[in-house]
PDB file of N, CA and C in Angstrom:
ATOM      1  N   MET A   1     217.507  35.587 208.686  1.00  0.00           N
ATOM      2  CA  MET A   1     216.555  34.754 209.388  1.00  0.00           C
ATOM      3  C   MET A   1     216.353  33.468 208.581  1.00  0.00           C
ATOM      4  N   HIS A   2     216.418  32.352 209.244  1.00  0.00           N
ATOM      5  CA  HIS A   2     216.277  31.051 208.597  1.00  0.00           C
ATOM      6  C   HIS A   2     214.844  30.563 208.754  1.00  0.00           C
ATOM      7  N   HIS A   3     214.207  30.285 207.642  1.00  0.00           N
ATOM      8  CA  HIS A   3     212.850  29.744 207.657  1.00  0.00           C
ATOM      9  C   HIS A   3     212.961  28.226 207.722  1.00  0.00           C
ATOM     10  N   PRO A   4     212.237  27.547 208.633  1.00  0.00           N
ATOM     11  CA  PRO A   4     212.394  26.099 208.824  1.00  0.00           C
ATOM     12  C   PRO A   4     212.110  25.262 207.580  1.00  0.00           C
ATOM     13  N   SER A   5     211.276  25.743 206.665  1.00  0.00           N
ATOM     14  CA  SER A   5     210.962  24.934 205.492  1.00  0.00           C
ATOM     15  C   SER A   5     211.874  25.253 204.295  1.00  0.00           C
ATOM     16  N   LEU A   6     212.802  26.170 204.468  1.00  0.00           N
ATOM     17  CA  LEU A   6     213.708  26.529 203.385  1.00  0.00           C
ATOM     18  C   LEU A   6     214.733  25.424 203.177  1.00  0.00           C
ATOM     19  N   HIS A   7     214.910  25.005 201.939  1.00  0.00           N
ATOM     20  CA  HIS A   7     215.862  23.935 201.619  1.00  0.00           C
ATOM     21  C   HIS A   7     217.262  24.338 202.086  1.00  0.00           C
ATOM     22  N   PRO A   8     218.035  23.404 202.663  1.00  0.00           N
ATOM     23  CA  PRO A   8     219.369  23.714 203.182  1.00  0.00           C
ATOM     24  C   PRO A   8     220.315  24.337 202.134  1.00  0.00           C
ATOM     25  N   LEU A   9     220.180  23.954 200.868  1.00  0.00           N
ATOM     26  CA  LEU A   9     221.034  24.555 199.845  1.00  0.00           C
ATOM     27  C   LEU A   9     220.747  26.045 199.682  1.00  0.00           C
ATOM     28  N   LEU A  10     219.482  26.412 199.816  1.00  0.00           N
ATOM     29  CA  LEU A  10     219.134  27.826 199.734  1.00  0.00           C
ATOM     30  C   LEU A  10     219.497  28.559 201.025  1.00  0.00           C
ATOM     31  N   ALA A  11     219.228  27.936 202.140  1.00  0.00           N
ATOM     32  CA  ALA A  11     219.527  28.560 203.431  1.00  0.00           C
ATOM     33  C   ALA A  11     221.027  28.799 203.605  1.00  0.00           C
ATOM     34  N   GLY A  12     221.847  27.942 203.010  1.00  0.00           N
ATOM     35  CA  GLY A  12     223.295  28.048 203.180  1.00  0.00           C
ATOM     36  C   GLY A  12     223.996  28.867 202.123  1.00  0.00           C
ATOM     37  N   ARG A  13     223.260  29.414 201.151  1.00  0.00           N
ATOM     38  CA  ARG A  13     223.915  30.172 200.082  1.00  0.00           C
ATOM     39  C   ARG A  13     224.424  31.506 200.614  1.00  0.00           C
ATOM     40  N   TRP A  14     225.422  32.019 199.969  1.00  0.00           N
ATOM     41  CA  TRP A  14     225.972  33.318 200.340  1.00  0.00           C
ATOM     42  C   TRP A  14     226.525  33.984 199.095  1.00  0.00           C
ATOM     43  N   SER A  15     226.674  35.283 199.158  1.00  0.00           N
ATOM     44  CA  SER A  15     227.208  36.049 198.037  1.00  0.00           C
ATOM     45  C   SER A  15     228.600  36.544 198.405  1.00  0.00           C
ATOM     46  N   PRO A  16     229.612  36.077 197.690  1.00  0.00           N
ATOM     47  CA  PRO A  16     230.974  36.524 198.005  1.00  0.00           C
ATOM     48  C   PRO A  16     231.143  38.005 197.687  1.00  0.00           C
ATOM     49  N   THR A  17     231.945  38.665 198.487  1.00  0.00           N
ATOM     50  CA  THR A  17     232.246  40.075 198.249  1.00  0.00           C
ATOM     51  C   THR A  17     233.726  40.283 197.943  1.00  0.00           C
ATOM     52  N   ALA A  18     234.474  39.185 197.900  1.00  0.00           N
ATOM     53  CA  ALA A  18     235.896  39.260 197.571  1.00  0.00           C
ATOM     54  C   ALA A  18     236.304  37.928 196.953  1.00  0.00           C
ATOM     55  N   PHE A  19     237.318  37.975 196.101  1.00  0.00           N
ATOM     56  CA  PHE A  19     237.818  36.775 195.444  1.00  0.00           C
ATOM     57  C   PHE A  19     239.316  36.687 195.607  1.00  0.00           C
ATOM     58  N   ASP A  20     239.830  35.473 195.639  1.00  0.00           N
ATOM     59  CA  ASP A  20     241.265  35.224 195.708  1.00  0.00           C
ATOM     60  C   ASP A  20     241.873  35.590 194.355  1.00  0.00           C
ATOM     61  N   ALA A  21     242.677  36.618 194.339  1.00  0.00           N
ATOM     62  CA  ALA A  21     243.265  37.110 193.089  1.00  0.00           C
ATOM     63  C   ALA A  21     244.246  36.124 192.467  1.00  0.00           C
ATOM     64  N   ASP A  22     244.631  35.083 193.201  1.00  0.00           N
ATOM     65  CA  ASP A  22     245.567  34.084 192.671  1.00  0.00           C
ATOM     66  C   ASP A  22     244.860  32.816 192.183  1.00  0.00           C
ATOM     67  N   HIS A  23     243.587  32.667 192.505  1.00  0.00           N
ATOM     68  CA  HIS A  23     242.872  31.452 192.134  1.00  0.00           C
ATOM     69  C   HIS A  23     242.631  31.412 190.624  1.00  0.00           C
ATOM     70  N   VAL A  24     242.856  30.270 190.032  1.00  0.00           N
ATOM     71  CA  VAL A  24     242.622  30.071 188.601  1.00  0.00           C
ATOM     72  C   VAL A  24     241.441  29.122 188.433  1.00  0.00           C
ATOM     73  N   VAL A  25     240.467  29.520 187.633  1.00  0.00           N
ATOM     74  CA  VAL A  25     239.331  28.653 187.329  1.00  0.00           C
ATOM     75  C   VAL A  25     239.749  27.783 186.145  1.00  0.00           C
ATOM     76  N   HIS A  26     239.770  26.480 186.366  1.00  0.00           N
ATOM     77  CA  HIS A  26     240.205  25.550 185.327  1.00  0.00           C
ATOM     78  C   HIS A  26     239.150  25.436 184.225  1.00  0.00           C
ATOM     79  N   GLU A  27     239.592  25.136 183.039  1.00  0.00           N
ATOM     80  CA  GLU A  27     238.719  25.028 181.872  1.00  0.00           C
ATOM     81  C   GLU A  27     237.554  24.074 182.118  1.00  0.00           C
ATOM     82  N   ASP A  28     237.834  22.907 182.704  1.00  0.00           N
ATOM     83  CA  ASP A  28     236.768  21.929 182.974  1.00  0.00           C
ATOM     84  C   ASP A  28     235.703  22.502 183.905  1.00  0.00           C
ATOM     85  N   ASP A  29     236.129  23.279 184.905  1.00  0.00           N
ATOM     86  CA  ASP A  29     235.169  23.886 185.833  1.00  0.00           C
ATOM     87  C   ASP A  29     234.321  24.944 185.128  1.00  0.00           C
ATOM     88  N   ALA A  30     234.947  25.746 184.278  1.00  0.00           N
ATOM     89  CA  ALA A  30     234.209  26.765 183.531  1.00  0.00           C
ATOM     90  C   ALA A  30     233.180  26.111 182.606  1.00  0.00           C
ATOM     91  N   LEU A  31     233.577  25.040 181.942  1.00  0.00           N
ATOM     92  CA  LEU A  31     232.652  24.329 181.056  1.00  0.00           C
ATOM     93  C   LEU A  31     231.492  23.710 181.828  1.00  0.00           C
ATOM     94  N   LEU A  32     231.768  23.214 183.027  1.00  0.00           N
ATOM     95  CA  LEU A  32     230.722  22.635 183.871  1.00  0.00           C
ATOM     96  C   LEU A  32     229.694  23.703 184.268  1.00  0.00           C
ATOM     97  N   ILE A  33     230.170  24.887 184.615  1.00  0.00           N
ATOM     98  CA  ILE A  33     229.272  25.994 184.967  1.00  0.00           C
ATOM     99  C   ILE A  33     228.388  26.359 183.774  1.00  0.00           C
ATOM    100  N   LEU A  34     228.993  26.450 182.601  1.00  0.00           N
ATOM    101  CA  LEU A  34     228.229  26.802 181.406  1.00  0.00           C
ATOM    102  C   LEU A  34     227.242  25.698 181.016  1.00  0.00           C
ATOM    103  N   GLU A  35     227.620  24.462 181.219  1.00  0.00           N
ATOM    104  CA  GLU A  35     226.705  23.351 180.919  1.00  0.00           C
ATOM    105  C   GLU A  35     225.504  23.390 181.859  1.00  0.00           C
ATOM    106  N   ALA A  36     225.738  23.702 183.139  1.00  0.00           N
ATOM    107  CA  ALA A  36     224.626  23.821 184.087  1.00  0.00           C
ATOM    108  C   ALA A  36     223.698  24.961 183.665  1.00  0.00           C
ATOM    109  N   ALA A  37     224.259  26.059 183.223  1.00  0.00           N
ATOM    110  CA  ALA A  37     223.450  27.193 182.772  1.00  0.00           C
ATOM    111  C   ALA A  37     222.641  26.822 181.532  1.00  0.00           C
ATOM    112  N   ARG A  38     223.239  26.028 180.665  1.00  0.00           N
ATOM    113  CA  ARG A  38     222.550  25.611 179.439  1.00  0.00           C
ATOM    114  C   ARG A  38     221.290  24.801 179.756  1.00  0.00           C
ATOM    115  N   TRP A  39     221.322  24.058 180.853  1.00  0.00           N
ATOM    116  CA  TRP A  39     220.189  23.211 181.236  1.00  0.00           C
ATOM    117  C   TRP A  39     219.165  23.948 182.104  1.00  0.00           C
ATOM    118  N   ALA A  40     219.421  25.199 182.431  1.00  0.00           N
ATOM    119  CA  ALA A  40     218.479  25.954 183.262  1.00  0.00           C
ATOM    120  C   ALA A  40     217.169  26.159 182.510  1.00  0.00           C
ATOM    121  N   PRO A  41     216.058  26.170 183.233  1.00  0.00           N
ATOM    122  CA  PRO A  41     214.765  26.357 182.573  1.00  0.00           C
ATOM    123  C   PRO A  41     214.646  27.753 181.963  1.00  0.00           C
ATOM    124  N   SER A  42     213.803  27.868 180.950  1.00  0.00           N
ATOM    125  CA  SER A  42     213.569  29.152 180.304  1.00  0.00           C
ATOM    126  C   SER A  42     212.108  29.252 179.877  1.00  0.00           C
ATOM    127  N   ALA A  43     211.694  30.464 179.557  1.00  0.00           N
ATOM    128  CA  ALA A  43     210.314  30.688 179.127  1.00  0.00           C
ATOM    129  C   ALA A  43     210.041  29.933 177.839  1.00  0.00           C
ATOM    130  N   GLY A  44     209.043  29.071 177.870  1.00  0.00           N
ATOM    131  CA  GLY A  44     208.676  28.319 176.678  1.00  0.00           C
ATOM    132  C   GLY A  44     209.758  27.383 176.184  1.00  0.00           C
ATOM    133  N   ASN A  45     210.692  27.018 177.057  1.00  0.00           N
ATOM    134  CA  ASN A  45     211.809  26.145 176.700  1.00  0.00           C
ATOM    135  C   ASN A  45     212.588  26.697 175.502  1.00  0.00           C
ATOM    136  N   SER A  46     212.734  28.019 175.472  1.00  0.00           N
ATOM    137  CA  SER A  46     213.365  28.671 174.314  1.00  0.00           C
ATOM    138  C   SER A  46     214.875  28.851 174.452  1.00  0.00           C
ATOM    139  N   GLN A  47     215.405  28.785 175.659  1.00  0.00           N
ATOM    140  CA  GLN A  47     216.823  29.026 175.921  1.00  0.00           C
ATOM    141  C   GLN A  47     217.311  30.256 175.152  1.00  0.00           C
ATOM    142  N   PRO A  48     216.760  31.439 175.477  1.00  0.00           N
ATOM    143  CA  PRO A  48     217.071  32.643 174.708  1.00  0.00           C
ATOM    144  C   PRO A  48     218.342  33.361 175.174  1.00  0.00           C
ATOM    145  N   TRP A  49     219.358  32.624 175.549  1.00  0.00           N
ATOM    146  CA  TRP A  49     220.541  33.284 176.095  1.00  0.00           C
ATOM    147  C   TRP A  49     221.824  32.842 175.430  1.00  0.00           C
ATOM    148  N   SER A  50     222.799  33.683 175.637  1.00  0.00           N
ATOM    149  CA  SER A  50     224.176  33.416 175.226  1.00  0.00           C
ATOM    150  C   SER A  50     225.046  33.895 176.375  1.00  0.00           C
ATOM    151  N   PHE A  51     226.320  33.555 176.331  1.00  0.00           N
ATOM    152  CA  PHE A  51     227.216  33.925 177.415  1.00  0.00           C
ATOM    153  C   PHE A  51     228.496  34.542 176.855  1.00  0.00           C
ATOM    154  N   ILE A  52     229.016  35.500 177.582  1.00  0.00           N
ATOM    155  CA  ILE A  52     230.348  36.042 177.311  1.00  0.00           C
ATOM    156  C   ILE A  52     231.201  35.630 178.495  1.00  0.00           C
ATOM    157  N   VAL A  53     232.312  34.964 178.224  1.00  0.00           N
ATOM    158  CA  VAL A  53     233.182  34.449 179.280  1.00  0.00           C
ATOM    159  C   VAL A  53     234.518  35.190 179.220  1.00  0.00           C
ATOM    160  N   GLY A  54     234.907  35.749 180.350  1.00  0.00           N
ATOM    161  CA  GLY A  54     236.176  36.472 180.419  1.00  0.00           C
ATOM    162  C   GLY A  54     237.045  35.945 181.544  1.00  0.00           C
ATOM    163  N   ARG A  55     238.246  35.496 181.199  1.00  0.00           N
ATOM    164  CA  ARG A  55     239.217  35.071 182.217  1.00  0.00           C
ATOM    165  C   ARG A  55     240.028  36.269 182.672  1.00  0.00           C
ATOM    166  N   ARG A  56     240.331  36.316 183.976  1.00  0.00           N
ATOM    167  CA  ARG A  56     241.127  37.403 184.529  1.00  0.00           C
ATOM    168  C   ARG A  56     242.400  37.584 183.690  1.00  0.00           C
ATOM    169  N   GLY A  57     242.711  38.830 183.375  1.00  0.00           N
ATOM    170  CA  GLY A  57     243.904  39.125 182.595  1.00  0.00           C
ATOM    171  C   GLY A  57     243.654  39.219 181.098  1.00  0.00           C
ATOM    172  N   THR A  58     242.434  38.884 180.655  1.00  0.00           N
ATOM    173  CA  THR A  58     242.123  38.964 179.227  1.00  0.00           C
ATOM    174  C   THR A  58     241.394  40.274 178.925  1.00  0.00           C
ATOM    175  N   THR A  59     241.377  40.636 177.656  1.00  0.00           N
ATOM    176  CA  THR A  59     240.654  41.830 177.214  1.00  0.00           C
ATOM    177  C   THR A  59     239.171  41.715 177.539  1.00  0.00           C
ATOM    178  N   THR A  60     238.605  40.534 177.334  1.00  0.00           N
ATOM    179  CA  THR A  60     237.173  40.328 177.604  1.00  0.00           C
ATOM    180  C   THR A  60     236.861  40.568 179.071  1.00  0.00           C
ATOM    181  N   HIS A  61     237.685  40.046 179.964  1.00  0.00           N
ATOM    182  CA  HIS A  61     237.494  40.249 181.406  1.00  0.00           C
ATOM    183  C   HIS A  61     237.500  41.743 181.722  1.00  0.00           C
ATOM    184  N   GLY A  62     238.480  42.449 181.191  1.00  0.00           N
ATOM    185  CA  GLY A  62     238.582  43.886 181.438  1.00  0.00           C
ATOM    186  C   GLY A  62     237.379  44.655 180.918  1.00  0.00           C
ATOM    187  N   ARG A  63     236.882  44.268 179.766  1.00  0.00           N
ATOM    188  CA  ARG A  63     235.712  44.938 179.201  1.00  0.00           C
ATOM    189  C   ARG A  63     234.473  44.673 180.046  1.00  0.00           C
ATOM    190  N   LEU A  64     234.324  43.445 180.545  1.00  0.00           N
ATOM    191  CA  LEU A  64     233.181  43.138 181.412  1.00  0.00           C
ATOM    192  C   LEU A  64     233.249  43.962 182.690  1.00  0.00           C
ATOM    193  N   VAL A  65     234.426  44.053 183.296  1.00  0.00           N
ATOM    194  CA  VAL A  65     234.588  44.824 184.531  1.00  0.00           C
ATOM    195  C   VAL A  65     234.187  46.286 184.308  1.00  0.00           C
ATOM    196  N   ARG A  66     234.586  46.854 183.190  1.00  0.00           N
ATOM    197  CA  ARG A  66     234.287  48.265 182.909  1.00  0.00           C
ATOM    198  C   ARG A  66     232.788  48.557 182.819  1.00  0.00           C
ATOM    199  N   HIS A  67     231.990  47.556 182.518  1.00  0.00           N
ATOM    200  CA  HIS A  67     230.554  47.775 182.344  1.00  0.00           C
ATOM    201  C   HIS A  67     229.719  47.367 183.553  1.00  0.00           C
ATOM    202  N   LEU A  68     230.350  47.020 184.643  1.00  0.00           N
ATOM    203  CA  LEU A  68     229.618  46.598 185.840  1.00  0.00           C
ATOM    204  C   LEU A  68     229.235  47.785 186.713  1.00  0.00           C
ATOM    205  N   ALA A  69     228.198  47.602 187.506  1.00  0.00           N
ATOM    206  CA  ALA A  69     227.790  48.611 188.477  1.00  0.00           C
ATOM    207  C   ALA A  69     228.881  48.764 189.533  1.00  0.00           C
ATOM    208  N   GLY A  70     228.869  49.869 190.214  1.00  0.00           N
ATOM    209  CA  GLY A  70     229.905  50.184 191.202  1.00  0.00           C
ATOM    210  C   GLY A  70     230.154  49.111 192.241  1.00  0.00           C
ATOM    211  N   SER A  71     229.092  48.528 192.798  1.00  0.00           N
ATOM    212  CA  SER A  71     229.283  47.520 193.840  1.00  0.00           C
ATOM    213  C   SER A  71     229.989  46.275 193.294  1.00  0.00           C
ATOM    214  N   SER A  72     229.654  45.863 192.078  1.00  0.00           N
ATOM    215  CA  SER A  72     230.307  44.694 191.469  1.00  0.00           C
ATOM    216  C   SER A  72     231.718  45.033 190.998  1.00  0.00           C
ATOM    217  N   ALA A  73     231.919  46.260 190.596  1.00  0.00           N
ATOM    218  CA  ALA A  73     233.242  46.679 190.100  1.00  0.00           C
ATOM    219  C   ALA A  73     234.307  46.629 191.195  1.00  0.00           C
ATOM    220  N   ARG A  74     233.890  46.554 192.450  1.00  0.00           N
ATOM    221  CA  ARG A  74     234.870  46.450 193.544  1.00  0.00           C
ATOM    222  C   ARG A  74     235.484  45.057 193.628  1.00  0.00           C
ATOM    223  N   TRP A  75     234.695  44.008 193.391  1.00  0.00           N
ATOM    224  CA  TRP A  75     235.216  42.647 193.523  1.00  0.00           C
ATOM    225  C   TRP A  75     235.566  42.006 192.191  1.00  0.00           C
ATOM    226  N   ALA A  76     234.901  42.409 191.121  1.00  0.00           N
ATOM    227  CA  ALA A  76     235.046  41.729 189.831  1.00  0.00           C
ATOM    228  C   ALA A  76     236.456  41.714 189.247  1.00  0.00           C
ATOM    229  N   PRO A  77     237.265  42.756 189.401  1.00  0.00           N
ATOM    230  CA  PRO A  77     238.606  42.701 188.804  1.00  0.00           C
ATOM    231  C   PRO A  77     239.452  41.541 189.333  1.00  0.00           C
ATOM    232  N   HIS A  78     239.138  41.055 190.533  1.00  0.00           N
ATOM    233  CA  HIS A  78     239.920  39.975 191.140  1.00  0.00           C
ATOM    234  C   HIS A  78     239.375  38.583 190.836  1.00  0.00           C
ATOM    235  N   ALA A  79     238.167  38.503 190.308  1.00  0.00           N
ATOM    236  CA  ALA A  79     237.556  37.204 190.013  1.00  0.00           C
ATOM    237  C   ALA A  79     238.308  36.525 188.874  1.00  0.00           C
ATOM    238  N   GLY A  80     238.566  35.234 189.026  1.00  0.00           N
ATOM    239  CA  GLY A  80     239.289  34.482 188.013  1.00  0.00           C
ATOM    240  C   GLY A  80     238.512  34.317 186.724  1.00  0.00           C
ATOM    241  N   LEU A  81     237.186  34.432 186.809  1.00  0.00           N
ATOM    242  CA  LEU A  81     236.332  34.230 185.645  1.00  0.00           C
ATOM    243  C   LEU A  81     235.073  35.070 185.820  1.00  0.00           C
ATOM    244  N   LEU A  82     234.695  35.787 184.783  1.00  0.00           N
ATOM    245  CA  LEU A  82     233.430  36.509 184.775  1.00  0.00           C
ATOM    246  C   LEU A  82     232.592  35.956 183.633  1.00  0.00           C
ATOM    247  N   ILE A  83     231.320  35.748 183.906  1.00  0.00           N
ATOM    248  CA  ILE A  83     230.402  35.260 182.878  1.00  0.00           C
ATOM    249  C   ILE A  83     229.234  36.230 182.804  1.00  0.00           C
ATOM    250  N   ALA A  84     229.028  36.806 181.633  1.00  0.00           N
ATOM    251  CA  ALA A  84     227.880  37.679 181.394  1.00  0.00           C
ATOM    252  C   ALA A  84     226.802  36.855 180.705  1.00  0.00           C
ATOM    253  N   ASN A  85     225.604  36.926 181.228  1.00  0.00           N
ATOM    254  CA  ASN A  85     224.463  36.209 180.665  1.00  0.00           C
ATOM    255  C   ASN A  85     223.698  37.179 179.780  1.00  0.00           C
ATOM    256  N   LEU A  86     223.577  36.858 178.500  1.00  0.00           N
ATOM    257  CA  LEU A  86     222.831  37.675 177.549  1.00  0.00           C
ATOM    258  C   LEU A  86     221.544  36.944 177.195  1.00  0.00           C
ATOM    259  N   ALA A  87     220.459  37.701 177.086  1.00  0.00           N
ATOM    260  CA  ALA A  87     219.173  37.072 176.759  1.00  0.00           C
ATOM    261  C   ALA A  87     218.478  37.850 175.664  1.00  0.00           C
ATOM    262  N   GLN A  88     217.781  37.140 174.810  1.00  0.00           N
ATOM    263  CA  GLN A  88     216.941  37.785 173.806  1.00  0.00           C
ATOM    264  C   GLN A  88     215.704  38.313 174.514  1.00  0.00           C
ATOM    265  N   ARG A  89     215.294  39.509 174.193  1.00  0.00           N
ATOM    266  CA  ARG A  89     214.108  40.080 174.841  1.00  0.00           C
ATOM    267  C   ARG A  89     212.827  39.502 174.276  1.00  0.00           C
ATOM    268  N   TYR A  90     212.828  39.146 173.017  1.00  0.00           N
ATOM    269  CA  TYR A  90     211.634  38.592 172.398  1.00  0.00           C
ATOM    270  C   TYR A  90     211.969  37.231 171.815  1.00  0.00           C
ATOM    271  N   VAL A  91     211.128  36.259 172.103  1.00  0.00           N
ATOM    272  CA  VAL A  91     211.340  34.901 171.634  1.00  0.00           C
ATOM    273  C   VAL A  91     210.235  34.574 170.644  1.00  0.00           C
ATOM    274  N   GLU A  92     210.606  34.004 169.519  1.00  0.00           N
ATOM    275  CA  GLU A  92     209.674  33.757 168.418  1.00  0.00           C
ATOM    276  C   GLU A  92     208.402  33.037 168.849  1.00  0.00           C
ATOM    277  N   ARG A  93     208.526  31.995 169.652  1.00  0.00           N
ATOM    278  CA  ARG A  93     207.358  31.192 170.035  1.00  0.00           C
ATOM    279  C   ARG A  93     206.597  31.769 171.226  1.00  0.00           C
ATOM    280  N   ASN A  94     207.067  32.871 171.792  1.00  0.00           N
ATOM    281  CA  ASN A  94     206.446  33.437 172.976  1.00  0.00           C
ATOM    282  C   ASN A  94     206.077  34.893 172.684  1.00  0.00           C
ATOM    283  N   PRO A  95     204.788  35.235 172.667  1.00  0.00           N
ATOM    284  CA  PRO A  95     204.390  36.596 172.315  1.00  0.00           C
ATOM    285  C   PRO A  95     204.727  37.636 173.391  1.00  0.00           C
ATOM    286  N   LEU A  96     205.059  37.204 174.585  1.00  0.00           N
ATOM    287  CA  LEU A  96     205.380  38.126 175.669  1.00  0.00           C
ATOM    288  C   LEU A  96     206.875  38.422 175.702  1.00  0.00           C
ATOM    289  N   GLU A  97     207.209  39.597 176.178  1.00  0.00           N
ATOM    290  CA  GLU A  97     208.621  39.952 176.323  1.00  0.00           C
ATOM    291  C   GLU A  97     209.219  39.083 177.427  1.00  0.00           C
ATOM    292  N   ALA A  98     210.387  38.525 177.169  1.00  0.00           N
ATOM    293  CA  ALA A  98     211.071  37.700 178.165  1.00  0.00           C
ATOM    294  C   ALA A  98     211.471  38.558 179.351  1.00  0.00           C
ATOM    295  N   VAL A  99     211.475  37.985 180.521  1.00  0.00           N
ATOM    296  CA  VAL A  99     211.892  38.693 181.730  1.00  0.00           C
ATOM    297  C   VAL A  99     213.406  38.755 181.779  1.00  0.00           C
ATOM    298  N   LEU A 100     213.922  39.935 182.070  1.00  0.00           N
ATOM    299  CA  LEU A 100     215.365  40.116 182.238  1.00  0.00           C
ATOM    300  C   LEU A 100     215.651  40.243 183.716  1.00  0.00           C
ATOM    301  N   TRP A 101     216.747  39.701 184.173  1.00  0.00           N
ATOM    302  CA  TRP A 101     217.081  39.713 185.598  1.00  0.00           C
ATOM    303  C   TRP A 101     218.555  40.030 185.772  1.00  0.00           C
ATOM    304  N   PRO A 102     218.907  40.655 186.886  1.00  0.00           N
ATOM    305  CA  PRO A 102     220.321  40.934 187.140  1.00  0.00           C
ATOM    306  C   PRO A 102     221.030  39.676 187.617  1.00  0.00           C
ATOM    307  N   GLU A 103     222.238  39.499 187.199  1.00  0.00           N
ATOM    308  CA  GLU A 103     223.062  38.371 187.652  1.00  0.00           C
ATOM    309  C   GLU A 103     224.053  38.890 188.680  1.00  0.00           C
ATOM    310  N   GLY A 104     224.418  38.061 189.605  1.00  0.00           N
ATOM    311  CA  GLY A 104     225.361  38.478 190.632  1.00  0.00           C
ATOM    312  C   GLY A 104     226.596  37.646 190.606  1.00  0.00           C
TER     313      GLY A 104
END
């Protein structure tokens, strides 16, 4: 259902359930994605995260796939790039535990 006040970028988003097994994510594109993530807001402006990047066919990619939930494990082996977002649970300047969220 489309809400009339929902921004078109949000209304038009979708979650892929399959990936082109032949598509290659170029280095510049991967760096652009990571740079956008680096600028994402965080609790107390702490940026308490790190990333693990795995390209299809690498050991890192295979290890990431092995640790995914069943629904993600169906599409992830074919993805050209997997990025795991890691976050610190406690941030020095913030007395509250940071919120953890699932990534898709």
